[in-house]
């Protein structure tokens, strides 16, 4: 059976001057603009940004200064002055999240709370209970009380 050839995808080349948003190469981003990941590292959320104000060109397009970047690896730049601080969850929200995680990581047979989520839908219990061996002490939460009720971060 002959091998079928893949069709080469045509890249729509757009001159850089016709691009809708201004484009910046990596390392040449003006002050006051950042990507979503950079905002997250600064402890900020996009806030009042209504969309990107510029495009961060990918590494491949940095060698082609006359063409606009259309690759999926390009980044979108947001204004830092419109960003707001990240919201901090309340104690009740943290308690609700901890209870949900406790339900996913507590074995129904041995009542141990593990540091990872258990396959409760498919297996129904932790792997040591299903296979019949003693679990490693570093994989589950060890407490003096029998049931583990919460592990709040705050």
C-alpha atoms as a PDB file:
ATOM      1  CA  UNK A   1       0.000   0.000   0.000  1.00  0.00           C
ATOM      2  CA  UNK A   2       1.567   3.307  -1.007  1.00  0.00           C
ATOM      3  CA  UNK A   3       2.205   5.889   1.596  1.00  0.00           C
ATOM      4  CA  UNK A   4      -0.021   8.903   1.429  1.00  0.00           C
ATOM      5  CA  UNK A   5       1.746  12.207   1.436  1.00  0.00           C
ATOM      6  CA  UNK A   6       0.673  14.766   3.930  1.00  0.00           C
ATOM      7  CA  UNK A   7      -0.473  17.998   2.483  1.00  0.00           C
ATOM      8  CA  UNK A   8       1.711  20.852   3.487  1.00  0.00           C
ATOM      9  CA  UNK A   9      -0.220  23.510   5.279  1.00  0.00           C
ATOM     10  CA  UNK A  10       0.045  26.887   3.646  1.00  0.00           C
ATOM     11  CA  UNK A  11       1.072  29.649   6.009  1.00  0.00           C
ATOM     12  CA  UNK A  12      -0.760  32.885   5.398  1.00  0.00           C
ATOM     13  CA  UNK A  13       1.995  35.464   5.165  1.00  0.00           C
ATOM     14  CA  UNK A  14       0.956  38.924   6.235  1.00  0.00           C
ATOM     15  CA  UNK A  15       3.330  41.872   5.913  1.00  0.00           C
ATOM     16  CA  UNK A  16       4.297  43.215   9.299  1.00  0.00           C
ATOM     17  CA  UNK A  17       3.002  46.695   8.553  1.00  0.00           C
ATOM     18  CA  UNK A  18      -0.516  45.283   7.935  1.00  0.00           C
ATOM     19  CA  UNK A  19      -0.642  43.509  11.308  1.00  0.00           C
ATOM     20  CA  UNK A  20      -3.475  44.621  13.561  1.00  0.00           C
ATOM     21  CA  UNK A  21      -1.434  44.775  16.773  1.00  0.00           C
ATOM     22  CA  UNK A  22       2.148  45.979  17.198  1.00  0.00           C
ATOM     23  CA  UNK A  23       4.656  43.149  17.430  1.00  0.00           C
ATOM     24  CA  UNK A  24       7.733  42.896  19.625  1.00  0.00           C
ATOM     25  CA  UNK A  25      10.587  40.415  19.530  1.00  0.00           C
ATOM     26  CA  UNK A  26      11.560  38.504  22.638  1.00  0.00           C
ATOM     27  CA  UNK A  27      13.888  40.540  24.789  1.00  0.00           C
ATOM     28  CA  UNK A  28      12.748  43.807  23.221  1.00  0.00           C
ATOM     29  CA  UNK A  29       9.408  44.194  25.005  1.00  0.00           C
ATOM     30  CA  UNK A  30       8.767  47.756  26.202  1.00  0.00           C
ATOM     31  CA  UNK A  31       8.307  48.415  29.895  1.00  0.00           C
ATOM     32  CA  UNK A  32       4.717  48.206  31.056  1.00  0.00           C
ATOM     33  CA  UNK A  33       3.782  45.160  28.948  1.00  0.00           C
ATOM     34  CA  UNK A  34       3.821  41.547  30.104  1.00  0.00           C
ATOM     35  CA  UNK A  35       2.363  38.159  29.193  1.00  0.00           C
ATOM     36  CA  UNK A  36      -0.243  36.413  31.344  1.00  0.00           C
ATOM     37  CA  UNK A  37       2.441  34.119  32.768  1.00  0.00           C
ATOM     38  CA  UNK A  38       4.650  37.078  33.674  1.00  0.00           C
ATOM     39  CA  UNK A  39       1.676  38.769  35.357  1.00  0.00           C
ATOM     40  CA  UNK A  40       1.014  35.595  37.345  1.00  0.00           C
ATOM     41  CA  UNK A  41       4.657  35.503  38.495  1.00  0.00           C
ATOM     42  CA  UNK A  42       4.282  39.116  39.676  1.00  0.00           C
ATOM     43  CA  UNK A  43       1.194  38.153  41.707  1.00  0.00           C
ATOM     44  CA  UNK A  44      -1.186  39.999  39.368  1.00  0.00           C
ATOM     45  CA  UNK A  45      -4.238  39.031  37.324  1.00  0.00           C
ATOM     46  CA  UNK A  46      -5.194  40.636  33.976  1.00  0.00           C
ATOM     47  CA  UNK A  47      -7.784  42.810  35.743  1.00  0.00           C
ATOM     48  CA  UNK A  48      -9.160  45.553  33.495  1.00  0.00           C
ATOM     49  CA  UNK A  49      -7.280  44.439  30.371  1.00  0.00           C
ATOM     50  CA  UNK A  50      -9.878  43.951  27.647  1.00  0.00           C
ATOM     51  CA  UNK A  51      -7.514  42.033  25.402  1.00  0.00           C
ATOM     52  CA  UNK A  52      -3.938  42.023  24.186  1.00  0.00           C
ATOM     53  CA  UNK A  53      -2.340  45.312  23.207  1.00  0.00           C
ATOM     54  CA  UNK A  54       0.653  43.769  21.419  1.00  0.00           C
ATOM     55  CA  UNK A  55       2.017  40.456  20.174  1.00  0.00           C
ATOM     56  CA  UNK A  56       5.194  38.780  21.426  1.00  0.00           C
ATOM     57  CA  UNK A  57       6.765  37.209  18.364  1.00  0.00           C
ATOM     58  CA  UNK A  58       7.979  33.610  18.437  1.00  0.00           C
ATOM     59  CA  UNK A  59      11.648  32.716  18.009  1.00  0.00           C
ATOM     60  CA  UNK A  60      11.184  31.624  14.410  1.00  0.00           C
ATOM     61  CA  UNK A  61       9.599  34.912  13.350  1.00  0.00           C
ATOM     62  CA  UNK A  62      12.387  36.907  14.985  1.00  0.00           C
ATOM     63  CA  UNK A  63      14.539  35.987  11.982  1.00  0.00           C
ATOM     64  CA  UNK A  64      11.877  37.291   9.568  1.00  0.00           C
ATOM     65  CA  UNK A  65      11.410  40.952  10.449  1.00  0.00           C
ATOM     66  CA  UNK A  66       9.216  41.785   7.451  1.00  0.00           C
ATOM     67  CA  UNK A  67       6.460  39.248   8.176  1.00  0.00           C
ATOM     68  CA  UNK A  68       3.824  39.175  10.871  1.00  0.00           C
ATOM     69  CA  UNK A  69       3.915  36.286  13.372  1.00  0.00           C
ATOM     70  CA  UNK A  70       1.021  33.861  12.879  1.00  0.00           C
ATOM     71  CA  UNK A  71       2.376  30.846  14.781  1.00  0.00           C
ATOM     72  CA  UNK A  72       0.561  29.363  17.780  1.00  0.00           C
ATOM     73  CA  UNK A  73       3.673  29.874  19.921  1.00  0.00           C
ATOM     74  CA  UNK A  74       3.328  33.649  19.824  1.00  0.00           C
ATOM     75  CA  UNK A  75       2.396  35.399  23.034  1.00  0.00           C
ATOM     76  CA  UNK A  76      -0.007  38.204  23.745  1.00  0.00           C
ATOM     77  CA  UNK A  77       1.135  41.177  25.786  1.00  0.00           C
ATOM     78  CA  UNK A  78      -1.084  42.922  28.348  1.00  0.00           C
ATOM     79  CA  UNK A  79      -0.671  46.245  30.127  1.00  0.00           C
ATOM     80  CA  UNK A  80       0.759  45.948  33.640  1.00  0.00           C
ATOM     81  CA  UNK A  81      -0.810  49.198  34.871  1.00  0.00           C
ATOM     82  CA  UNK A  82      -4.326  47.795  34.271  1.00  0.00           C
ATOM     83  CA  UNK A  83      -3.554  44.528  36.083  1.00  0.00           C
ATOM     84  CA  UNK A  84      -4.944  43.943  39.563  1.00  0.00           C
ATOM     85  CA  UNK A  85      -3.614  41.887  42.474  1.00  0.00           C
ATOM     86  CA  UNK A  86      -4.660  38.255  42.586  1.00  0.00           C
ATOM     87  CA  UNK A  87      -7.661  37.517  44.736  1.00  0.00           C
ATOM     88  CA  UNK A  88      -6.929  35.658  47.951  1.00  0.00           C
ATOM     89  CA  UNK A  89      -9.398  32.852  48.767  1.00  0.00           C
ATOM     90  CA  UNK A  90     -11.348  33.131  51.994  1.00  0.00           C
ATOM     91  CA  UNK A  91     -10.982  30.591  54.769  1.00  0.00           C
ATOM     92  CA  UNK A  92     -14.386  29.092  53.876  1.00  0.00           C
ATOM     93  CA  UNK A  93     -13.301  28.632  50.243  1.00  0.00           C
ATOM     94  CA  UNK A  94     -10.080  26.944  51.338  1.00  0.00           C
ATOM     95  CA  UNK A  95     -12.056  24.680  53.681  1.00  0.00           C
ATOM     96  CA  UNK A  96     -14.416  23.678  50.864  1.00  0.00           C
ATOM     97  CA  UNK A  97     -11.498  22.925  48.524  1.00  0.00           C
ATOM     98  CA  UNK A  98      -9.730  20.930  51.227  1.00  0.00           C
ATOM     99  CA  UNK A  99     -12.839  18.852  51.898  1.00  0.00           C
ATOM    100  CA  UNK A 100     -13.209  18.140  48.190  1.00  0.00           C
ATOM    101  CA  UNK A 101      -9.570  17.062  47.962  1.00  0.00           C
ATOM    102  CA  UNK A 102      -9.943  14.966  51.111  1.00  0.00           C
ATOM    103  CA  UNK A 103     -12.819  13.100  49.492  1.00  0.00           C
ATOM    104  CA  UNK A 104     -10.656  12.355  46.450  1.00  0.00           C
ATOM    105  CA  UNK A 105      -7.557  11.304  48.381  1.00  0.00           C
ATOM    106  CA  UNK A 106      -9.003   9.287  51.307  1.00  0.00           C
ATOM    107  CA  UNK A 107      -9.332   5.504  50.977  1.00  0.00           C
ATOM    108  CA  UNK A 108     -12.743   4.091  51.834  1.00  0.00           C
ATOM    109  CA  UNK A 109     -11.305   0.847  53.276  1.00  0.00           C
ATOM    110  CA  UNK A 110      -8.317   1.910  55.380  1.00  0.00           C
ATOM    111  CA  UNK A 111      -9.290   5.602  55.906  1.00  0.00           C
ATOM    112  CA  UNK A 112      -5.782   6.831  55.089  1.00  0.00           C
ATOM    113  CA  UNK A 113      -5.478  10.169  53.342  1.00  0.00           C
ATOM    114  CA  UNK A 114      -2.848  10.064  50.617  1.00  0.00           C
ATOM    115  CA  UNK A 115      -0.878  12.937  49.112  1.00  0.00           C
ATOM    116  CA  UNK A 116      -2.347  12.147  45.668  1.00  0.00           C
ATOM    117  CA  UNK A 117      -5.807  11.472  44.243  1.00  0.00           C
ATOM    118  CA  UNK A 118      -6.969   7.857  44.357  1.00  0.00           C
ATOM    119  CA  UNK A 119      -8.673   5.926  41.535  1.00  0.00           C
ATOM    120  CA  UNK A 120     -11.963   5.734  43.434  1.00  0.00           C
ATOM    121  CA  UNK A 121     -14.186   5.429  40.346  1.00  0.00           C
ATOM    122  CA  UNK A 122     -12.323   2.523  38.791  1.00  0.00           C
ATOM    123  CA  UNK A 123     -10.742   0.662  41.723  1.00  0.00           C
ATOM    124  CA  UNK A 124     -12.738   2.026  44.673  1.00  0.00           C
ATOM    125  CA  UNK A 125      -9.839   2.134  47.134  1.00  0.00           C
ATOM    126  CA  UNK A 126      -6.129   2.805  47.369  1.00  0.00           C
ATOM    127  CA  UNK A 127      -3.638   0.584  45.557  1.00  0.00           C
ATOM    128  CA  UNK A 128      -2.246  -1.055  48.740  1.00  0.00           C
ATOM    129  CA  UNK A 129      -5.759  -2.136  49.779  1.00  0.00           C
ATOM    130  CA  UNK A 130      -6.572  -3.419  46.297  1.00  0.00           C
ATOM    131  CA  UNK A 131      -3.269  -5.299  45.905  1.00  0.00           C
ATOM    132  CA  UNK A 132      -2.984  -6.436  49.526  1.00  0.00           C
ATOM    133  CA  UNK A 133       0.277  -4.879  50.698  1.00  0.00           C
ATOM    134  CA  UNK A 134       1.267  -2.330  53.324  1.00  0.00           C
ATOM    135  CA  UNK A 135       1.679   1.214  51.949  1.00  0.00           C
ATOM    136  CA  UNK A 136       4.887   3.206  52.264  1.00  0.00           C
ATOM    137  CA  UNK A 137       4.610   5.629  55.218  1.00  0.00           C
ATOM    138  CA  UNK A 138       5.729   8.598  53.101  1.00  0.00           C
ATOM    139  CA  UNK A 139       2.762   8.335  50.733  1.00  0.00           C
ATOM    140  CA  UNK A 140      -0.031   9.095  53.187  1.00  0.00           C
ATOM    141  CA  UNK A 141      -0.747  11.622  55.925  1.00  0.00           C
ATOM    142  CA  UNK A 142       0.123  10.309  59.372  1.00  0.00           C
ATOM    143  CA  UNK A 143      -1.792  11.839  62.281  1.00  0.00           C
ATOM    144  CA  UNK A 144      -2.676  10.836  65.792  1.00  0.00           C
ATOM    145  CA  UNK A 145      -6.410  11.312  65.170  1.00  0.00           C
ATOM    146  CA  UNK A 146      -8.190   8.612  63.183  1.00  0.00           C
ATOM    147  CA  UNK A 147      -9.862  10.616  60.387  1.00  0.00           C
ATOM    148  CA  UNK A 148      -8.071  13.470  58.693  1.00  0.00           C
ATOM    149  CA  UNK A 149     -10.536  16.319  58.537  1.00  0.00           C
ATOM    150  CA  UNK A 150      -8.614  19.221  57.017  1.00  0.00           C
ATOM    151  CA  UNK A 151      -5.246  20.565  55.948  1.00  0.00           C
ATOM    152  CA  UNK A 152      -5.755  24.279  55.487  1.00  0.00           C
ATOM    153  CA  UNK A 153      -3.066  26.446  53.977  1.00  0.00           C
ATOM    154  CA  UNK A 154      -4.080  29.540  55.965  1.00  0.00           C
END
